[in-house]
PDB file of N, CA and C in Angstrom:
ATOM      1  N   MET A   1      84.282 145.531  51.140  1.00  0.00           N
ATOM      2  CA  MET A   1      83.238 146.395  50.468  1.00  0.00           C
ATOM      3  C   MET A   1      84.224 147.618  49.942  1.00  0.00           C
ATOM      4  N   THR A   2      83.975 148.108  48.738  1.00  0.00           N
ATOM      5  CA  THR A   2      84.684 149.208  48.236  1.00  0.00           C
ATOM      6  C   THR A   2      83.567 150.393  48.488  1.00  0.00           C
ATOM      7  N   VAL A   3      84.186 151.592  48.303  1.00  0.00           N
ATOM      8  CA  VAL A   3      83.542 152.797  48.287  1.00  0.00           C
ATOM      9  C   VAL A   3      84.340 153.539  47.277  1.00  0.00           C
ATOM     10  N   ASN A   4      83.315 154.088  46.353  1.00  0.00           N
ATOM     11  CA  ASN A   4      83.752 154.934  45.150  1.00  0.00           C
ATOM     12  C   ASN A   4      82.961 156.195  45.259  1.00  0.00           C
ATOM     13  N   LEU A   5      83.665 157.255  44.881  1.00  0.00           N
ATOM     14  CA  LEU A   5      82.959 158.519  44.612  1.00  0.00           C
ATOM     15  C   LEU A   5      82.786 158.927  43.274  1.00  0.00           C
ATOM     16  N   HIS A   6      81.597 159.241  43.048  1.00  0.00           N
ATOM     17  CA  HIS A   6      81.104 159.711  41.550  1.00  0.00           C
ATOM     18  C   HIS A   6      81.781 161.223  41.480  1.00  0.00           C
ATOM     19  N   PRO A   7      82.031 161.636  40.352  1.00  0.00           N
ATOM     20  CA  PRO A   7      82.868 163.030  39.926  1.00  0.00           C
ATOM     21  C   PRO A   7      82.124 164.197  40.824  1.00  0.00           C
ATOM     22  N   HIS A   8      80.944 164.098  40.784  1.00  0.00           N
ATOM     23  CA  HIS A   8      80.074 165.168  41.566  1.00  0.00           C
ATOM     24  C   HIS A   8      80.520 165.389  42.907  1.00  0.00           C
ATOM     25  N   ALA A   9      80.443 164.126  43.908  1.00  0.00           N
ATOM     26  CA  ALA A   9      80.838 164.060  44.946  1.00  0.00           C
ATOM     27  C   ALA A   9      82.209 164.314  45.271  1.00  0.00           C
ATOM     28  N   ARG A  10      83.181 164.129  44.308  1.00  0.00           N
ATOM     29  CA  ARG A  10      84.760 164.506  44.498  1.00  0.00           C
ATOM     30  C   ARG A  10      84.740 165.969  44.373  1.00  0.00           C
ATOM     31  N   ASP A  11      84.085 166.505  43.406  1.00  0.00           N
ATOM     32  CA  ASP A  11      84.125 167.936  43.034  1.00  0.00           C
ATOM     33  C   ASP A  11      83.510 168.566  44.367  1.00  0.00           C
ATOM     34  N   ARG A  12      82.800 168.271  45.253  1.00  0.00           N
ATOM     35  CA  ARG A  12      82.288 168.803  46.038  1.00  0.00           C
ATOM     36  C   ARG A  12      83.021 168.989  47.531  1.00  0.00           C
ATOM     37  N   LEU A  13      83.794 167.974  47.608  1.00  0.00           N
ATOM     38  CA  LEU A  13      84.576 167.839  48.568  1.00  0.00           C
ATOM     39  C   LEU A  13      85.244 168.830  49.474  1.00  0.00           C
ATOM     40  N   SER A  14      86.000 169.580  48.700  1.00  0.00           N
ATOM     41  CA  SER A  14      86.739 170.682  48.942  1.00  0.00           C
ATOM     42  C   SER A  14      85.750 171.945  49.635  1.00  0.00           C
ATOM     43  N   GLU A  15      85.003 172.474  48.552  1.00  0.00           N
ATOM     44  CA  GLU A  15      83.801 173.194  48.980  1.00  0.00           C
ATOM     45  C   GLU A  15      82.956 173.007  50.203  1.00  0.00           C
ATOM     46  N   ARG A  16      82.912 171.717  50.665  1.00  0.00           N
ATOM     47  CA  ARG A  16      82.197 171.490  51.843  1.00  0.00           C
ATOM     48  C   ARG A  16      83.003 171.259  52.984  1.00  0.00           C
ATOM     49  N   GLY A  17      84.246 171.038  52.846  1.00  0.00           N
ATOM     50  CA  GLY A  17      85.108 170.830  53.991  1.00  0.00           C
ATOM     51  C   GLY A  17      85.155 169.347  54.368  1.00  0.00           C
ATOM     52  N   ALA A  18      84.956 168.465  53.383  1.00  0.00           N
ATOM     53  CA  ALA A  18      85.221 167.064  53.608  1.00  0.00           C
ATOM     54  C   ALA A  18      86.507 166.548  53.002  1.00  0.00           C
ATOM     55  N   THR A  19      86.751 165.347  53.616  1.00  0.00           N
ATOM     56  CA  THR A  19      87.827 164.566  52.825  1.00  0.00           C
ATOM     57  C   THR A  19      87.436 163.122  52.341  1.00  0.00           C
ATOM     58  N   GLU A  20      88.139 162.618  51.405  1.00  0.00           N
ATOM     59  CA  GLU A  20      87.647 161.398  51.006  1.00  0.00           C
ATOM     60  C   GLU A  20      87.775 160.168  52.120  1.00  0.00           C
ATOM     61  N   GLU A  21      88.703 160.056  52.893  1.00  0.00           N
ATOM     62  CA  GLU A  21      88.808 159.420  54.216  1.00  0.00           C
ATOM     63  C   GLU A  21      87.409 159.604  55.116  1.00  0.00           C
ATOM     64  N   GLU A  22      87.214 160.909  55.244  1.00  0.00           N
ATOM     65  CA  GLU A  22      86.058 160.889  56.208  1.00  0.00           C
ATOM     66  C   GLU A  22      84.557 160.261  55.500  1.00  0.00           C
ATOM     67  N   ILE A  23      84.472 160.510  54.206  1.00  0.00           N
ATOM     68  CA  ILE A  23      83.447 159.999  53.431  1.00  0.00           C
ATOM     69  C   ILE A  23      83.506 158.412  53.591  1.00  0.00           C
ATOM     70  N   ILE A  24      84.510 157.712  53.427  1.00  0.00           N
ATOM     71  CA  ILE A  24      84.769 156.424  53.689  1.00  0.00           C
ATOM     72  C   ILE A  24      84.319 155.777  55.204  1.00  0.00           C
ATOM     73  N   LEU A  25      84.673 156.549  55.962  1.00  0.00           N
ATOM     74  CA  LEU A  25      84.535 156.116  57.214  1.00  0.00           C
ATOM     75  C   LEU A  25      82.964 156.357  57.588  1.00  0.00           C
ATOM     76  N   ALA A  26      82.284 157.167  56.940  1.00  0.00           N
ATOM     77  CA  ALA A  26      80.912 157.432  57.133  1.00  0.00           C
ATOM     78  C   ALA A  26      80.305 156.492  56.678  1.00  0.00           C
ATOM     79  N   VAL A  27      80.786 155.932  55.521  1.00  0.00           N
ATOM     80  CA  VAL A  27      80.032 154.710  54.843  1.00  0.00           C
ATOM     81  C   VAL A  27      80.292 153.280  55.385  1.00  0.00           C
ATOM     82  N   GLU A  28      81.500 153.295  55.934  1.00  0.00           N
ATOM     83  CA  GLU A  28      81.862 151.892  56.627  1.00  0.00           C
ATOM     84  C   GLU A  28      81.533 151.833  58.068  1.00  0.00           C
ATOM     85  N   ALA A  29      81.407 153.086  58.733  1.00  0.00           N
ATOM     86  CA  ALA A  29      81.144 152.972  60.143  1.00  0.00           C
ATOM     87  C   ALA A  29      80.198 153.963  60.818  1.00  0.00           C
ATOM     88  N   GLY A  30      79.198 154.467  59.861  1.00  0.00           N
ATOM     89  CA  GLY A  30      78.405 155.647  60.139  1.00  0.00           C
ATOM     90  C   GLY A  30      76.973 155.178  60.436  1.00  0.00           C
ATOM     91  N   GLU A  31      76.061 155.726  60.939  1.00  0.00           N
ATOM     92  CA  GLU A  31      74.640 155.373  60.630  1.00  0.00           C
ATOM     93  C   GLU A  31      74.073 155.282  59.344  1.00  0.00           C
ATOM     94  N   LYS A  32      73.446 154.446  59.115  1.00  0.00           N
ATOM     95  CA  LYS A  32      72.804 154.293  57.842  1.00  0.00           C
ATOM     96  C   LYS A  32      71.237 154.593  57.883  1.00  0.00           C
ATOM     97  N   PHE A  33      70.778 155.044  56.707  1.00  0.00           N
ATOM     98  CA  PHE A  33      69.442 155.560  56.832  1.00  0.00           C
ATOM     99  C   PHE A  33      68.820 155.692  55.344  1.00  0.00           C
ATOM    100  N   GLU A  34      67.485 155.507  55.235  1.00  0.00           N
ATOM    101  CA  GLU A  34      66.967 155.638  53.940  1.00  0.00           C
ATOM    102  C   GLU A  34      66.974 156.990  53.412  1.00  0.00           C
ATOM    103  N   ALA A  35      67.394 157.500  52.179  1.00  0.00           N
ATOM    104  CA  ALA A  35      67.152 158.784  51.601  1.00  0.00           C
ATOM    105  C   ALA A  35      66.241 158.781  50.274  1.00  0.00           C
ATOM    106  N   LYS A  36      65.963 159.941  49.894  1.00  0.00           N
ATOM    107  CA  LYS A  36      65.358 160.079  48.739  1.00  0.00           C
ATOM    108  C   LYS A  36      65.709 159.496  47.611  1.00  0.00           C
ATOM    109  N   PHE A  37      64.927 159.061  46.379  1.00  0.00           N
ATOM    110  CA  PHE A  37      65.270 158.663  45.103  1.00  0.00           C
ATOM    111  C   PHE A  37      65.891 157.036  45.457  1.00  0.00           C
ATOM    112  N   GLY A  38      65.683 156.361  46.441  1.00  0.00           N
ATOM    113  CA  GLY A  38      66.043 155.154  46.452  1.00  0.00           C
ATOM    114  C   GLY A  38      67.613 155.185  46.873  1.00  0.00           C
ATOM    115  N   ARG A  39      68.063 156.007  47.405  1.00  0.00           N
ATOM    116  CA  ARG A  39      69.550 156.089  47.961  1.00  0.00           C
ATOM    117  C   ARG A  39      69.568 155.674  49.340  1.00  0.00           C
ATOM    118  N   ILE A  40      70.696 155.589  49.813  1.00  0.00           N
ATOM    119  CA  ILE A  40      71.164 155.326  51.059  1.00  0.00           C
ATOM    120  C   ILE A  40      71.819 156.378  51.680  1.00  0.00           C
ATOM    121  N   GLY A  41      71.619 156.798  53.018  1.00  0.00           N
ATOM    122  CA  GLY A  41      72.446 157.976  53.400  1.00  0.00           C
ATOM    123  C   GLY A  41      73.372 157.292  54.711  1.00  0.00           C
ATOM    124  N   PHE A  42      74.653 157.968  54.697  1.00  0.00           N
ATOM    125  CA  PHE A  42      75.419 157.403  55.848  1.00  0.00           C
ATOM    126  C   PHE A  42      75.689 158.524  56.488  1.00  0.00           C
ATOM    127  N   ARG A  43      75.730 158.490  57.886  1.00  0.00           N
ATOM    128  CA  ARG A  43      76.035 159.913  58.862  1.00  0.00           C
ATOM    129  C   ARG A  43      76.765 159.503  59.829  1.00  0.00           C
ATOM    130  N   ARG A  44      77.941 160.385  60.139  1.00  0.00           N
ATOM    131  CA  ARG A  44      79.006 160.139  60.964  1.00  0.00           C
ATOM    132  C   ARG A  44      79.553 161.590  61.539  1.00  0.00           C
ATOM    133  N   ASN A  45      79.514 161.656  62.778  1.00  0.00           N
ATOM    134  CA  ASN A  45      80.174 162.903  63.345  1.00  0.00           C
ATOM    135  C   ASN A  45      81.623 162.543  63.622  1.00  0.00           C
ATOM    136  N   VAL A  46      82.336 163.509  63.284  1.00  0.00           N
ATOM    137  CA  VAL A  46      83.778 163.475  63.749  1.00  0.00           C
ATOM    138  C   VAL A  46      84.157 164.681  64.241  1.00  0.00           C
ATOM    139  N   PRO A  47      85.141 164.630  65.155  1.00  0.00           N
ATOM    140  CA  PRO A  47      85.974 165.587  65.967  1.00  0.00           C
ATOM    141  C   PRO A  47      86.454 166.664  65.036  1.00  0.00           C
ATOM    142  N   PHE A  48      86.220 167.925  65.413  1.00  0.00           N
ATOM    143  CA  PHE A  48      86.643 168.832  64.275  1.00  0.00           C
ATOM    144  C   PHE A  48      87.678 169.876  65.134  1.00  0.00           C
ATOM    145  N   LYS A  49      87.201 170.726  66.086  1.00  0.00           N
ATOM    146  CA  LYS A  49      87.873 171.664  66.924  1.00  0.00           C
ATOM    147  C   LYS A  49      88.755 172.454  65.981  1.00  0.00           C
ATOM    148  N   ARG A  50      88.066 173.111  65.037  1.00  0.00           N
ATOM    149  CA  ARG A  50      88.921 174.298  64.401  1.00  0.00           C
ATOM    150  C   ARG A  50      87.957 175.098  63.579  1.00  0.00           C
ATOM    151  N   ARG A  51      88.514 176.032  62.972  1.00  0.00           N
ATOM    152  CA  ARG A  51      87.598 176.885  62.439  1.00  0.00           C
ATOM    153  C   ARG A  51      87.221 176.519  60.753  1.00  0.00           C
ATOM    154  N   TRP A  52      85.891 176.850  60.444  1.00  0.00           N
ATOM    155  CA  TRP A  52      85.492 176.629  59.275  1.00  0.00           C
ATOM    156  C   TRP A  52      84.707 177.963  58.676  1.00  0.00           C
ATOM    157  N   ARG A  53      85.101 178.686  57.722  1.00  0.00           N
ATOM    158  CA  ARG A  53      84.748 179.791  57.145  1.00  0.00           C
ATOM    159  C   ARG A  53      84.536 180.964  58.434  1.00  0.00           C
ATOM    160  N   GLY A  54      85.175 181.283  58.988  1.00  0.00           N
ATOM    161  CA  GLY A  54      85.249 182.083  60.062  1.00  0.00           C
ATOM    162  C   GLY A  54      84.628 181.730  61.525  1.00  0.00           C
ATOM    163  N   LYS A  55      84.216 180.707  61.755  1.00  0.00           N
ATOM    164  CA  LYS A  55      83.715 180.402  63.095  1.00  0.00           C
ATOM    165  C   LYS A  55      84.298 179.063  63.429  1.00  0.00           C
ATOM    166  N   HIS A  56      84.398 178.722  64.913  1.00  0.00           N
ATOM    167  CA  HIS A  56      85.075 177.823  65.273  1.00  0.00           C
ATOM    168  C   HIS A  56      83.875 176.750  65.788  1.00  0.00           C
ATOM    169  N   TYR A  57      84.238 175.400  65.503  1.00  0.00           N
ATOM    170  CA  TYR A  57      83.239 174.329  65.591  1.00  0.00           C
ATOM    171  C   TYR A  57      84.100 173.153  66.287  1.00  0.00           C
ATOM    172  N   LYS A  58      83.162 172.453  67.083  1.00  0.00           N
ATOM    173  CA  LYS A  58      84.041 171.222  67.751  1.00  0.00           C
ATOM    174  C   LYS A  58      83.605 169.941  67.046  1.00  0.00           C
ATOM    175  N   THR A  59      82.582 169.675  66.174  1.00  0.00           N
ATOM    176  CA  THR A  59      82.175 168.803  65.396  1.00  0.00           C
ATOM    177  C   THR A  59      81.915 168.910  64.103  1.00  0.00           C
ATOM    178  N   LYS A  60      82.159 167.962  63.170  1.00  0.00           N
ATOM    179  CA  LYS A  60      81.699 168.091  61.753  1.00  0.00           C
ATOM    180  C   LYS A  60      80.836 166.616  61.596  1.00  0.00           C
ATOM    181  N   GLN A  61      79.664 166.964  60.968  1.00  0.00           N
ATOM    182  CA  GLN A  61      79.004 165.815  60.705  1.00  0.00           C
ATOM    183  C   GLN A  61      79.168 165.554  59.016  1.00  0.00           C
ATOM    184  N   ILE A  62      79.391 164.403  58.750  1.00  0.00           N
ATOM    185  CA  ILE A  62      79.358 163.877  57.374  1.00  0.00           C
ATOM    186  C   ILE A  62      78.336 163.075  56.912  1.00  0.00           C
ATOM    187  N   GLU A  63      77.810 163.634  55.855  1.00  0.00           N
ATOM    188  CA  GLU A  63      76.556 162.719  55.232  1.00  0.00           C
ATOM    189  C   GLU A  63      76.960 162.389  53.939  1.00  0.00           C
ATOM    190  N   ALA A  64      77.035 161.049  53.388  1.00  0.00           N
ATOM    191  CA  ALA A  64      77.184 160.529  52.176  1.00  0.00           C
ATOM    192  C   ALA A  64      76.093 159.909  51.722  1.00  0.00           C
ATOM    193  N   TYR A  65      75.627 160.244  50.583  1.00  0.00           N
ATOM    194  CA  TYR A  65      74.410 159.741  49.807  1.00  0.00           C
ATOM    195  C   TYR A  65      75.002 158.933  48.754  1.00  0.00           C
ATOM    196  N   ALA A  66      74.623 157.303  48.753  1.00  0.00           N
ATOM    197  CA  ALA A  66      75.124 156.393  47.931  1.00  0.00           C
ATOM    198  C   ALA A  66      74.002 155.574  47.536  1.00  0.00           C
ATOM    199  N   ILE A  67      74.435 154.924  46.335  1.00  0.00           N
ATOM    200  CA  ILE A  67      73.492 153.691  45.573  1.00  0.00           C
ATOM    201  C   ILE A  67      74.593 152.526  45.681  1.00  0.00           C
ATOM    202  N   ARG A  68      74.059 151.378  45.694  1.00  0.00           N
ATOM    203  CA  ARG A  68      74.601 149.914  45.866  1.00  0.00           C
ATOM    204  C   ARG A  68      75.306 149.827  44.447  1.00  0.00           C
ATOM    205  N   ARG A  69      76.340 149.608  44.471  1.00  0.00           N
ATOM    206  CA  ARG A  69      77.258 149.069  43.011  1.00  0.00           C
ATOM    207  C   ARG A  69      78.026 147.873  43.207  1.00  0.00           C
ATOM    208  N   TYR A  70      77.608 146.792  42.473  1.00  0.00           N
ATOM    209  CA  TYR A  70      78.235 145.676  42.395  1.00  0.00           C
ATOM    210  C   TYR A  70      78.678 145.278  43.864  1.00  0.00           C
ATOM    211  N   ASN A  71      79.803 145.091  44.339  1.00  0.00           N
ATOM    212  CA  ASN A  71      80.186 144.596  45.674  1.00  0.00           C
ATOM    213  C   ASN A  71      80.369 145.936  46.408  1.00  0.00           C
ATOM    214  N   GLY A  72      79.845 146.909  46.393  1.00  0.00           N
ATOM    215  CA  GLY A  72      80.060 148.307  47.104  1.00  0.00           C
ATOM    216  C   GLY A  72      79.081 149.525  47.166  1.00  0.00           C
ATOM    217  N   TRP A  73      79.604 150.568  47.048  1.00  0.00           N
ATOM    218  CA  TRP A  73      78.881 151.705  47.160  1.00  0.00           C
ATOM    219  C   TRP A  73      79.694 152.613  46.187  1.00  0.00           C
ATOM    220  N   LEU A  74      78.599 153.403  45.722  1.00  0.00           N
ATOM    221  CA  LEU A  74      79.026 154.883  44.820  1.00  0.00           C
ATOM    222  C   LEU A  74      78.353 155.950  45.508  1.00  0.00           C
ATOM    223  N   VAL A  75      79.334 156.830  46.076  1.00  0.00           N
ATOM    224  CA  VAL A  75      78.574 157.949  46.847  1.00  0.00           C
ATOM    225  C   VAL A  75      78.294 158.877  45.717  1.00  0.00           C
ATOM    226  N   ILE A  76      77.218 159.464  45.650  1.00  0.00           N
ATOM    227  CA  ILE A  76      76.513 160.497  44.826  1.00  0.00           C
ATOM    228  C   ILE A  76      77.038 161.947  45.014  1.00  0.00           C
ATOM    229  N   SER A  77      76.574 162.277  46.453  1.00  0.00           N
ATOM    230  CA  SER A  77      76.837 163.453  46.936  1.00  0.00           C
ATOM    231  C   SER A  77      77.468 163.426  48.392  1.00  0.00           C
ATOM    232  N   VAL A  78      77.567 164.557  48.988  1.00  0.00           N
ATOM    233  CA  VAL A  78      78.433 164.759  50.092  1.00  0.00           C
ATOM    234  C   VAL A  78      77.626 166.249  50.740  1.00  0.00           C
ATOM    235  N   VAL A  79      77.419 165.953  51.925  1.00  0.00           N
ATOM    236  CA  VAL A  79      76.767 167.178  52.734  1.00  0.00           C
ATOM    237  C   VAL A  79      77.637 167.092  54.179  1.00  0.00           C
ATOM    238  N   THR A  80      77.900 168.471  54.650  1.00  0.00           N
ATOM    239  CA  THR A  80      78.484 168.430  55.888  1.00  0.00           C
ATOM    240  C   THR A  80      77.835 169.678  56.917  1.00  0.00           C
ATOM    241  N   ARG A  81      77.539 169.378  57.914  1.00  0.00           N
ATOM    242  CA  ARG A  81      77.284 170.105  59.046  1.00  0.00           C
ATOM    243  C   ARG A  81      78.258 170.458  59.874  1.00  0.00           C
ATOM    244  N   TYR A  82      78.362 171.730  60.558  1.00  0.00           N
ATOM    245  CA  TYR A  82      79.470 171.888  61.629  1.00  0.00           C
ATOM    246  C   TYR A  82      78.554 172.494  62.885  1.00  0.00           C
ATOM    247  N   PHE A  83      78.980 171.906  64.076  1.00  0.00           N
ATOM    248  CA  PHE A  83      78.503 172.405  65.279  1.00  0.00           C
ATOM    249  C   PHE A  83      79.362 172.329  66.358  1.00  0.00           C
TER     250      PHE A  83
END
């Protein structure tokens, strides 16, 4: 299975604190759920134990919203949550 990132998703990685590797991990091994507009969401918690925007967090949650493309997924958008 291939996982590709749409330019919009790629542009948002750094501002949301995610890496391409984390996105791929979420798609390949995360929880899968239905999302709006016929998209599929993938969610995965990853250990963080660092500071993000001035506050310390133990866990980062990655959500990738994707559409099926040929033999893989095209990630349209990325959301991160810290806790």
